[in-house]
Structures are given as C-alpha cells and as structure tokens.
Protein backbone atom coordinates (compact mmCIF):
# COMPACT_ATOMS: atom_id res chain seq x y z
CA MET A 1 15.76 -16.01 41.88
CA THR A 2 13.41 -16.33 44.84
CA SER A 3 9.73 -16.73 44.33
CA GLY A 4 9.01 -13.37 45.92
CA SER A 5 11.42 -11.27 43.88
CA SER A 6 10.33 -8.89 41.15
CA SER A 7 11.56 -9.75 37.66
CA PRO A 8 11.07 -8.76 34.01
CA ARG A 9 9.14 -11.98 33.63
CA SER A 10 6.62 -11.06 36.32
CA ALA A 11 6.23 -7.63 34.71
CA LEU A 12 5.63 -9.45 31.45
CA ILE A 13 2.81 -11.50 32.96
CA ALA A 14 1.32 -8.36 34.46
CA ALA A 15 1.37 -6.71 31.05
CA PHE A 16 -0.32 -9.76 29.60
CA LEU A 17 -3.11 -9.69 32.17
CA SER A 18 -3.49 -5.92 31.82
CA HIS A 19 -3.63 -6.03 28.02
CA SER A 20 -7.34 -5.17 27.72
CA ALA A 21 -7.00 -2.47 30.38
CA ILE A 22 -4.15 -0.91 28.40
CA GLN A 23 -6.31 -0.72 25.29
CA GLN A 24 -9.16 0.89 27.23
CA THR A 25 -6.85 3.45 28.90
CA LEU A 26 -5.21 4.72 25.72
CA LEU A 27 -7.02 7.34 23.70
CA PRO A 28 -8.25 6.13 20.28
CA ASN A 29 -5.62 8.15 18.42
CA GLN A 30 -2.89 6.57 20.55
CA LEU A 31 -3.84 3.04 19.58
CA PRO A 32 -1.90 1.50 16.69
CA GLN A 33 -4.16 0.59 13.79
CA HIS A 34 -3.46 -3.10 14.14
CA GLN A 35 -5.01 -3.46 17.59
CA HIS A 36 -8.11 -5.71 17.61
CA GLN A 37 -11.00 -5.42 19.97
CA GLN A 38 -11.40 -8.82 21.58
CA SER A 39 -14.73 -10.31 22.58
CA ASN A 40 -15.50 -10.29 26.28
CA THR A 41 -16.87 -13.82 26.00
CA MET A 42 -14.41 -16.56 26.90
CA SER A 43 -14.81 -20.30 26.59
CA PRO A 44 -14.74 -22.21 29.89
CA MET A 45 -11.29 -23.52 28.97
CA GLU A 46 -9.93 -20.02 28.36
CA SER A 47 -11.56 -18.64 31.50
CA LYS A 48 -9.98 -21.39 33.56
CA ALA A 49 -6.55 -20.79 32.03
CA THR A 50 -6.80 -17.04 32.65
CA GLU A 51 -7.80 -17.55 36.28
CA GLU A 52 -4.90 -19.95 36.79
CA ILE A 53 -2.50 -17.43 35.25
CA LYS A 54 -3.78 -14.76 37.62
CA LYS A 55 -3.42 -17.11 40.58
CA ALA A 56 0.16 -17.96 39.57
CA LEU A 57 0.94 -14.26 39.33
CA ASP A 58 -0.60 -13.61 42.77
CA ASN A 59 1.70 -16.32 44.13
CA ASN A 60 4.74 -14.68 42.46
CA ASP A 61 5.26 -17.67 40.18
CA PRO A 62 5.53 -16.22 36.64
CA GLY A 63 7.16 -19.42 35.39
CA LEU A 64 4.01 -21.34 36.26
CA ALA A 65 1.93 -18.70 34.48
CA VAL A 66 3.95 -19.22 31.30
CA SER A 67 3.57 -23.01 31.64
CA ILE A 68 -0.20 -22.67 32.02
CA THR A 69 -0.32 -20.52 28.90
CA LYS A 70 1.68 -23.09 26.95
CA LYS A 71 -0.60 -25.92 28.05
CA TYR A 72 -3.71 -23.90 27.15
CA LEU A 73 -2.42 -23.31 23.62
CA GLU A 74 -1.48 -26.97 23.23
CA ASP A 75 -4.94 -28.01 24.40
CA ILE A 76 -6.88 -25.76 22.01
CA ASN A 77 -4.60 -26.68 19.11
CA ASN A 78 -5.25 -30.38 19.71
CA ILE A 79 -9.05 -30.23 19.91
CA GLN A 80 -10.38 -32.82 17.49
CA LEU A 81 -13.35 -32.29 15.19
CA ASN A 82 -15.04 -35.36 13.71
CA ILE A 83 -17.34 -34.77 10.74
CA ALA A 84 -19.43 -37.68 9.46
CA VAL A 85 -20.46 -37.81 5.79
CA THR A 86 -23.16 -40.34 4.97
CA GLY A 87 -26.11 -40.98 2.69
CA GLU A 88 -27.97 -43.54 0.63
CA SER A 89 -25.79 -46.32 -0.76
CA GLY A 90 -24.14 -45.39 -4.04
CA CYS A 91 -24.91 -41.65 -3.91
CA GLY A 92 -21.23 -40.71 -4.26
CA LYS A 93 -20.04 -39.22 -0.98
CA GLY A 94 -16.37 -38.65 -1.90
CA ILE A 95 -15.26 -35.12 -1.05
CA ASP A 96 -12.90 -34.65 -4.01
CA ASN A 97 -12.01 -37.44 -6.39
CA LYS A 98 -8.89 -35.59 -7.50
CA ASP A 99 -7.51 -35.65 -3.96
CA LYS A 100 -5.53 -38.82 -3.21
CA ARG A 101 -6.80 -38.74 0.38
CA ALA A 102 -10.45 -38.43 -0.66
CA ALA A 103 -13.06 -41.09 -0.22
CA PRO A 104 -13.46 -43.17 -3.40
CA THR A 105 -16.78 -42.88 -5.17
CA GLY A 106 -18.61 -45.07 -7.60
CA VAL A 107 -21.97 -46.26 -8.82
CA THR A 108 -21.85 -49.09 -6.28
CA GLU A 109 -21.20 -48.88 -2.56
CA THR A 110 -17.43 -48.51 -2.03
CA THR A 111 -17.34 -47.79 1.72
CA ILE A 112 -17.63 -50.88 3.93
CA GLU A 113 -16.41 -49.52 7.28
CA PRO A 114 -16.14 -45.93 8.55
CA GLU A 115 -12.90 -44.43 7.25
CA SER A 116 -11.36 -41.15 8.33
CA PHE A 117 -9.55 -38.62 6.16
CA PRO A 118 -7.57 -35.93 8.02
CA ASP A 119 -7.66 -32.41 6.69
CA PRO A 120 -4.25 -31.77 5.06
CA ARG A 121 -3.88 -28.40 6.84
CA CYS A 122 -5.59 -29.29 10.13
CA PRO A 123 -4.89 -32.96 10.89
CA ASN A 124 -7.06 -32.78 14.02
CA VAL A 125 -10.06 -32.29 11.72
CA LEU A 126 -11.22 -35.71 10.56
CA ILE A 127 -13.79 -36.20 7.80
CA TRP A 128 -15.33 -39.64 8.15
CA ASP A 129 -16.73 -41.41 5.11
CA LEU A 130 -19.47 -43.68 6.44
CA PRO A 131 -21.04 -46.68 4.73
CA GLY A 132 -24.11 -45.92 2.66
CA ILE A 133 -27.30 -46.29 4.68
CA GLY A 134 -29.98 -48.64 3.42
CA THR A 135 -27.84 -51.56 2.24
CA THR A 136 -28.60 -55.06 3.47
CA LYS A 137 -25.51 -54.96 5.65
CA PHE A 138 -26.36 -51.59 7.16
CA PRO A 139 -30.12 -51.31 7.84
CA ALA A 140 -31.22 -47.90 9.06
CA ASP A 141 -32.24 -49.03 12.55
CA GLN A 142 -28.72 -50.38 13.29
CA TYR A 143 -26.72 -47.86 11.31
CA LEU A 144 -25.75 -45.31 13.98
CA GLU A 145 -24.67 -47.98 16.45
CA HIS A 146 -22.58 -49.67 13.74
CA VAL A 147 -20.65 -46.51 12.80
CA GLY A 148 -20.12 -45.36 16.41
CA PHE A 149 -22.15 -42.16 16.26
CA GLU A 150 -20.94 -40.92 19.69
CA LYS A 151 -17.60 -39.71 18.36
CA PHE A 152 -19.02 -37.49 15.62
CA ASP A 153 -19.62 -33.79 16.18
CA PHE A 154 -22.16 -33.51 13.35
CA PHE A 155 -23.43 -35.39 10.32
CA ILE A 156 -23.58 -34.44 6.64
CA ILE A 157 -26.34 -36.41 4.91
CA VAL A 158 -25.69 -36.47 1.18
CA SER A 159 -28.04 -37.25 -1.68
CA ALA A 160 -27.34 -37.13 -5.41
CA ASP A 161 -31.07 -36.72 -6.13
CA ARG A 162 -34.03 -37.00 -3.76
CA PHE A 163 -33.57 -37.73 -0.08
CA THR A 164 -35.05 -41.10 0.80
CA GLU A 165 -36.97 -42.66 3.66
CA ASN A 166 -33.69 -44.01 5.04
CA ASP A 167 -32.18 -40.51 4.99
CA ALA A 168 -35.18 -39.19 6.91
CA LYS A 169 -35.05 -42.02 9.47
CA LEU A 170 -31.33 -41.41 9.97
CA ALA A 171 -31.90 -37.68 10.54
CA GLN A 172 -34.62 -38.39 13.10
CA GLU A 173 -32.37 -40.82 15.00
CA ILE A 174 -29.49 -38.33 14.96
CA LYS A 175 -31.80 -35.66 16.35
CA LYS A 176 -32.99 -37.98 19.14
CA MET A 177 -29.38 -38.47 20.18
CA GLY A 178 -28.71 -34.75 20.41
CA LYS A 179 -26.47 -34.40 17.36
CA LYS A 180 -26.67 -31.94 14.48
CA PHE A 181 -27.20 -32.98 10.85
CA TYR A 182 -27.26 -31.18 7.51
CA PHE A 183 -28.84 -32.29 4.23
CA ILE A 184 -26.65 -31.60 1.20
CA ARG A 185 -27.11 -32.00 -2.54
CA PRO A 186 -23.42 -32.01 -3.57
CA LYS A 187 -23.58 -31.98 -7.38
CA ILE A 188 -25.94 -29.13 -8.05
CA ASP A 189 -23.85 -27.92 -10.99
CA ASP A 190 -24.63 -31.19 -12.80
CA ASN A 191 -28.34 -30.68 -12.09
CA LEU A 192 -28.22 -27.13 -13.46
CA ARG A 193 -26.46 -28.18 -16.66
CA ALA A 194 -29.04 -30.92 -17.23
CA ALA A 195 -31.87 -28.45 -16.63
CA GLU A 196 -30.38 -25.92 -19.02
CA ARG A 197 -30.18 -28.52 -21.76
CA SER A 198 -33.75 -29.71 -21.25
CA GLN A 199 -35.59 -26.45 -20.63
CA ARG A 200 -36.67 -24.11 -23.39
CA THR A 201 -36.57 -21.07 -21.06
CA TYR A 202 -33.92 -21.64 -18.40
CA ASP A 203 -33.56 -19.54 -15.25
CA GLU A 204 -30.90 -20.63 -12.77
CA GLY A 205 -32.52 -19.02 -9.73
CA GLU A 206 -35.89 -20.57 -10.40
CA THR A 207 -34.31 -23.97 -11.07
CA LEU A 208 -32.39 -23.87 -7.78
CA GLN A 209 -35.53 -22.92 -5.88
CA LYS A 210 -37.54 -25.76 -7.45
CA ILE A 211 -34.81 -28.31 -6.58
CA ARG A 212 -34.63 -27.00 -3.02
CA GLU A 213 -38.41 -27.03 -2.53
CA ASN A 214 -38.63 -30.51 -4.00
CA CYS A 215 -36.03 -31.84 -1.55
CA ILE A 216 -37.64 -30.09 1.42
CA GLN A 217 -41.12 -31.35 0.59
CA GLY A 218 -39.80 -34.89 0.18
CA LEU A 219 -38.24 -34.78 3.64
CA LYS A 220 -41.41 -33.33 5.16
CA ASP A 221 -43.40 -36.15 3.61
CA GLN A 222 -41.03 -38.56 5.39
CA GLY A 223 -41.68 -36.91 8.76
CA VAL A 224 -38.69 -34.55 9.06
CA THR A 225 -39.68 -31.32 10.78
CA SER A 226 -38.51 -28.01 9.21
CA PRO A 227 -35.77 -29.55 7.05
CA GLN A 228 -33.09 -27.32 5.55
CA VAL A 229 -31.34 -28.47 2.37
CA PHE A 230 -28.08 -27.00 1.06
CA LEU A 231 -27.33 -27.07 -2.67
CA VAL A 232 -23.58 -27.32 -3.21
CA SER A 233 -21.07 -27.67 -6.03
CA LEU A 234 -17.89 -29.43 -4.95
CA LEU A 235 -16.12 -27.86 -7.93
CA ASP A 236 -17.20 -24.28 -7.07
CA LEU A 237 -17.55 -24.08 -3.32
CA HIS A 238 -17.95 -20.30 -3.35
CA LYS A 239 -21.21 -20.64 -5.27
CA TYR A 240 -24.74 -21.62 -4.25
CA ASP A 241 -25.37 -22.64 -0.62
CA PHE A 242 -21.93 -23.63 0.64
CA PRO A 243 -21.21 -20.29 2.38
CA ILE A 244 -24.67 -20.48 4.02
CA LEU A 245 -23.94 -24.04 5.14
CA LEU A 246 -20.72 -22.90 6.81
CA VAL A 247 -22.49 -20.10 8.66
CA THR A 248 -25.20 -22.49 9.83
CA ILE A 249 -22.76 -25.12 11.12
CA GLU A 250 -20.61 -22.49 12.79
CA ARG A 251 -23.60 -20.95 14.58
CA GLU A 252 -24.65 -24.31 16.02
CA MET A 253 -21.27 -25.49 17.29
CA PRO A 254 -19.57 -24.99 20.69
CA SER A 255 -17.03 -22.15 20.58
CA LEU A 256 -13.83 -24.20 20.70
CA LYS A 257 -15.04 -26.69 18.10
CA ARG A 258 -16.23 -23.77 16.00
CA ASP A 259 -12.73 -22.27 16.00
CA VAL A 260 -11.26 -25.58 14.83
CA LEU A 261 -13.78 -25.73 11.98
CA ILE A 262 -13.14 -22.13 10.93
CA LEU A 263 -9.39 -22.64 10.65
CA ALA A 264 -9.90 -25.73 8.47
CA LEU A 265 -12.30 -24.04 6.04
CA PRO A 266 -11.31 -23.17 2.47
CA ASN A 267 -11.24 -19.44 1.73
CA VAL A 268 -14.43 -19.49 -0.34
CA CYS A 269 -15.66 -16.04 0.73
CA ARG A 270 -14.53 -12.95 2.60
CA SER A 271 -16.46 -13.87 5.74
CA VAL A 272 -14.34 -17.03 6.14
CA ILE A 273 -11.17 -14.94 5.93
CA HIS A 274 -12.58 -12.49 8.52
CA LYS A 275 -13.51 -15.32 10.88
CA LYS A 276 -10.07 -16.93 10.56
CA LYS A 277 -8.53 -13.58 11.40
CA GLU A 278 -10.71 -13.32 14.51
CA VAL A 279 -9.61 -16.78 15.72
CA PHE A 280 -5.94 -16.05 15.08
CA SER A 281 -6.26 -12.65 16.74
CA SER A 282 -7.83 -14.07 19.90
CA ARG A 283 -4.69 -16.15 20.52
CA ILE A 284 -2.05 -13.52 19.87
CA MET A 285 -1.63 -12.37 23.46
CA TYR A 286 -0.90 -15.94 24.54
CA TYR A 287 1.72 -16.51 21.85
CA ALA A 288 3.24 -13.10 22.60
CA LEU A 289 3.56 -14.16 26.21
CA LEU A 290 5.29 -17.40 25.28
CA SER A 291 7.66 -15.77 22.83
CA ALA A 292 8.61 -13.00 25.26
CA GLY A 293 8.58 -15.29 28.28
CA ALA A 294 10.77 -17.95 29.82
CA THR A 295 12.67 -19.03 26.70
CA ALA A 296 13.17 -15.56 25.18
CA ILE A 297 16.69 -14.52 24.18
CA PRO A 298 17.90 -11.09 23.03
CA VAL A 299 17.31 -10.48 19.34
CA PRO A 300 20.52 -9.18 17.70
CA GLY A 301 20.25 -5.51 16.83
CA LEU A 302 16.97 -5.04 18.74
CA SER A 303 16.13 -3.94 22.27
CA ILE A 304 13.78 -6.89 22.84
CA ALA A 305 14.04 -10.55 23.72
CA ALA A 306 11.97 -13.17 21.95
CA ASN A 307 11.71 -16.84 21.15
CA VAL A 308 11.86 -16.39 17.38
CA GLY A 309 11.04 -20.06 16.81
CA ILE A 310 7.57 -19.55 18.31
CA LEU A 311 6.99 -16.57 16.03
CA VAL A 312 8.06 -18.58 12.98
CA SER A 313 5.60 -21.33 13.89
CA VAL A 314 2.71 -18.91 14.49
CA LEU A 315 3.34 -16.94 11.30
CA ASN A 316 3.57 -20.14 9.25
CA THR A 317 0.15 -21.04 10.67
CA TYR A 318 -1.22 -17.70 9.47
CA VAL A 319 0.26 -18.08 5.98
CA ASP A 320 -1.04 -21.64 5.61
CA GLY A 321 -4.43 -20.83 7.12
CA PHE A 322 -5.02 -18.02 4.64
CA GLY A 323 -3.85 -20.19 1.73
CA LEU A 324 -0.91 -17.88 0.99
CA ASP A 325 1.77 -20.56 0.99
CA GLU A 326 3.42 -21.45 -2.30
CA LYS A 327 1.62 -24.78 -2.83
CA SER A 328 -1.82 -23.34 -2.15
CA LEU A 329 -1.25 -20.42 -4.48
CA GLU A 330 -0.05 -22.76 -7.25
CA LYS A 331 -3.14 -24.97 -6.81
CA LEU A 332 -5.44 -21.95 -6.81
CA SER A 333 -3.77 -20.69 -9.98
CA ILE A 334 -4.39 -24.01 -11.73
CA ASP A 335 -7.95 -24.50 -10.43
CA THR A 336 -9.10 -20.99 -11.36
CA LYS A 337 -6.90 -20.58 -14.45
CA THR A 338 -5.45 -17.41 -12.93
CA PRO A 339 -1.78 -16.81 -13.79
CA LEU A 340 0.37 -17.21 -10.68
CA PRO A 341 2.16 -13.87 -11.29
CA ASP A 342 -1.24 -12.15 -11.16
CA LEU A 343 -1.87 -13.64 -7.72
CA MET A 344 1.60 -12.68 -6.53
CA GLU A 345 1.08 -9.13 -7.76
CA VAL A 346 -1.83 -8.43 -5.40
CA MET A 347 0.03 -9.62 -2.27
CA LYS A 348 1.97 -7.03 -0.28
CA CYS A 349 3.00 -8.77 2.95
CA ARG A 350 6.60 -9.97 2.96
CA LEU A 351 5.51 -13.42 4.15
CA SER A 352 2.94 -14.12 1.43
CA GLY A 353 4.06 -16.81 -1.00
CA LYS A 354 7.24 -17.46 0.98
CA VAL A 355 8.56 -19.92 3.53
CA VAL A 356 8.66 -18.20 6.92
CA THR A 357 12.21 -18.32 8.30
CA ALA A 358 13.83 -17.00 11.46
CA GLU A 359 15.95 -14.61 9.40
CA LEU A 360 12.90 -13.12 7.69
CA VAL A 361 11.03 -12.76 11.00
CA VAL A 362 13.97 -10.94 12.63
CA LYS A 363 14.13 -8.51 9.70
CA MET A 364 10.41 -7.81 9.98
CA LEU A 365 10.66 -7.43 13.76
CA SER A 366 13.45 -4.93 13.27
CA ASN A 367 11.31 -2.82 10.96
CA TYR A 368 8.32 -3.04 13.26
CA SER A 369 10.12 -2.35 16.57
CA ALA A 370 11.11 1.15 15.46
CA GLY A 371 7.46 2.14 15.30
CA ALA A 372 6.63 0.19 18.46
CA SER A 373 8.98 2.38 20.49
CA VAL A 374 6.43 5.19 20.12
CA LEU A 375 3.76 3.00 21.72
CA THR A 376 6.14 2.07 24.55
CA ALA A 377 6.85 5.76 25.23
CA THR A 378 3.11 6.47 25.30
CA LEU A 379 2.48 3.59 27.71
CA SER A 380 5.16 4.88 30.08
CA LEU A 381 3.14 8.09 30.56
CA ILE A 382 0.23 6.13 32.00
CA PRO A 383 0.86 5.63 35.76
CA ILE A 384 -0.05 1.96 36.27
CA VAL A 385 0.98 0.81 32.81
CA GLY A 386 4.23 2.74 33.03
CA ALA A 387 5.13 0.86 36.19
CA ILE A 388 4.51 -2.44 34.39
CA VAL A 389 6.49 -1.59 31.29
CA GLY A 390 9.38 0.36 32.73
CA SER A 391 11.48 -0.15 29.60
CA PRO A 392 10.73 -1.25 26.03
CA LEU A 393 8.79 -4.42 26.71
CA SER A 394 9.21 -7.46 24.51
CA TYR A 395 5.64 -8.55 25.04
CA ILE A 396 4.21 -5.27 23.78
CA THR A 397 6.39 -5.33 20.67
CA ILE A 398 5.71 -8.99 19.84
CA ASN A 399 1.97 -8.64 20.42
CA GLY A 400 1.82 -5.62 18.12
CA PHE A 401 4.04 -7.27 15.53
CA LEU A 402 1.78 -10.33 15.31
CA CYS A 403 -1.36 -8.16 15.07
CA ASP A 404 0.19 -6.01 12.36
CA THR A 405 1.36 -9.01 10.32
CA LEU A 406 -2.00 -10.75 10.71
CA ASP A 407 -3.73 -7.65 9.34
CA LYS A 408 -1.49 -7.59 6.28
CA LEU A 409 -1.87 -11.31 5.57
CA SER A 410 -5.67 -11.14 5.83
CA VAL A 411 -5.72 -8.26 3.34
CA ASP A 412 -3.56 -10.33 0.98
CA ALA A 413 -5.96 -13.26 1.36
CA GLU A 414 -8.90 -11.07 0.38
CA ASN A 415 -7.02 -9.63 -2.59
CA VAL A 416 -6.10 -13.12 -3.79
CA LEU A 417 -9.73 -14.23 -3.45
CA THR A 418 -10.86 -11.28 -5.53
CA GLU A 419 -8.20 -11.84 -8.20
CA ALA A 420 -8.91 -15.57 -8.52
CA LEU A 421 -12.68 -15.71 -8.13
CA GLY A 422 -13.82 -12.16 -8.72
CA ILE A 423 -15.50 -11.88 -5.31
C-alpha cells in the first residue's frame, strides 16, 4: 500500500483523533451511558504524542501514528515513582511486618543502607526504607547526601511518638532542595488504645486532636513553618488521616507521577476507586487504537477486527488495579473477616474474581458489539463522522467495550469496599 492511499487504518486514526468531536456532536440521548467526559488538560508528554499522531496522519502514515501511540503508552506505564520513608532511629518504619517484602522493624536500628521495596502490583513504584536519622553513622547534616535524595519524589517522615529536632532539621533541608515531605504518626491505633485504658472519660475525637496539636506544636517549636501531621493506622488504612494524606500528596504531585501513585494505592475509600477509574479511562482511546490498529485480526463471529491480546492485558490491569482478582479478594476476606462468598455475591461484572482470558474477552465483545451497532448507525448519519466510519468500525466498538467494562468493574470495586469495610 502506498503512503498516499486511503485505508481502514487511516480512517481508524481519524476516528481516534476525532473522538472528542464525536462526543460533542452527538445529542446527549444518543451517547451510550459508558462514555466518559475527558479533561481538556493534557500532560506535556500526552500533548506531544497527540501532535505527533496528527502529524503522522497529515503525512498519510497511519502506521507511524500507531507506533507513536504504542511508545506513549509504554512510556507512561514505565514512569517510576520513588517514595522515601525515614524517621528517627528505631521508630519502626516498616510498612507491613506481615508482608515478606516489607522493611524489617525493631527496637534498634535495622536499616543500614537505603533499600527499595517494589509495590507488588506496580513494580515501577518503589518504597525506599531509609536509615534512621540521628544515629552516629547518619548525622542530620549529612543524611540527605548519604541516601541520595535527588532520586526521591517525596519523603515520608515517620515518628512513633513526638517528632524530634532531627526530624525538623531533615524537613527543613528537604524543603530547601525543593522536595515535598509529610509527617506521619503510623501507629495511632496503639496510641488510642493506650489512651482509652488510662483515661476515665475517653473521647476518640478529642484524643486524636490533642495528639495532632501536640505533634504540630513540637514541630513549630523546632522551627518548622505550618507543619501538617497525619495520624495513620497501618492496620486500618481507611480510618483516621490516611485518605487525607493521599489527597494531599496527589494534589502536590506532577500529573504523570500522580497517575502512577493513584494506580498503586489500596482501595481504602471510594475516592481512590473513582480516581483510578479516571486514570484508566483517560487511556482507553489509546488502547482502543492499538487493539484495532496494525495488528488487529478479524474476531470470529463478529464484524470487527481486534488484537484480543491487548484487550486481555488492559482488562487484567483493571481487575488487578481495583483489587478484584482472586488473590486480592481472598486477602481482603481474611483481613476483614468477611466471608469470600459475600464478596463474590456483590460483584456483577463477568471479569470480577476471574482470570481474564482471550476466550472470555471474545464472548464479552460479542455481547457488547450487538449494542454497539446502534451507535455505529447513529454515527453514520453525521456527515463528517459518517465519512470516517463508513462501516462498523473496530475502534468505536473496542473503545465503547473498554469504557463499559471499566464502569462495571468500578461499581464492583465500590460494592466490595462497602461489603468488607462498611463504607
């Protein structure tokens, strides 16, 4: 095929680039319920990729446009996030002692050199356990240079009790170097139990406020300006200040790094599930392009062509990201003492709790494509869009299928959260 010839692939790219225009042209009652309104704000990386796709299309090179899309997705999926966890020596910085990958904790300093622990679901997210500040070997004024602060995106400063002078000095040095830091009290449940035992009239809210004010005043006395302290229970992340901490970190991060963080977060509240859905949704049109693009083959029994392997990979990412895979559900059942059948009962999507296979995806595509034919017929009535589509377009079907399935999985994730944690 010559570079100047018209092809289904070039029509596919045109449909991809016209996707937002299609949504704006259709009347509201013509839009399928699964369509998401995308933000008009793009990261510099996405803007560059989109411009390059348009340029490739202008030069009648749809193959290059598909290649650019593939590279863009590979780049954003390989963005690394480095989170440093540090604090006074011996404060116990381990994330989860029951996790074999977690940093060991003890009453004495157990971390000698910075050690990274990849997130089991997002291996490009590295949590670094740093040596305790304030030891003879790691004085505060040499600490950041020793641990190689440049590679960290932000710092978590942990204290089991009061934050010390060394914690304050570290925070001030981090601020000078243009990095973000967050003060965390990670065992607040232990503090509350101790307070309940010792107080004649116990009030949890008042106790939390006193602990928070005490920490903040201590940091102010050490010269930290407007400190914010987050009270967290590592055993019950959905309680206390952990959701607020996540919102704060997310707000202060660059967009691409923020997306990486969101996808690695545990589903501790509905807002996390909503944010994961937004990130997944923003990438659907690119994956739809790849699946319906250069490597697509006819799907038996359907009037579309698709790379089913790409769809399997994407859908597995959704299932894992929402914690709806078999292992995650079993762990949630044990941790929350919720019978596994009760969790399975509230899930309606065919993928929830299952291994995503090509056979299952083809069956679901078959069911979805029947309804998608109505959308294709509607599009053909619109002059410009009709010229792009021409016939049932694989891109339109795959894009809609991924949106529809993402909707169903996010609803299942919320239902599971409610069943297990009552929120």
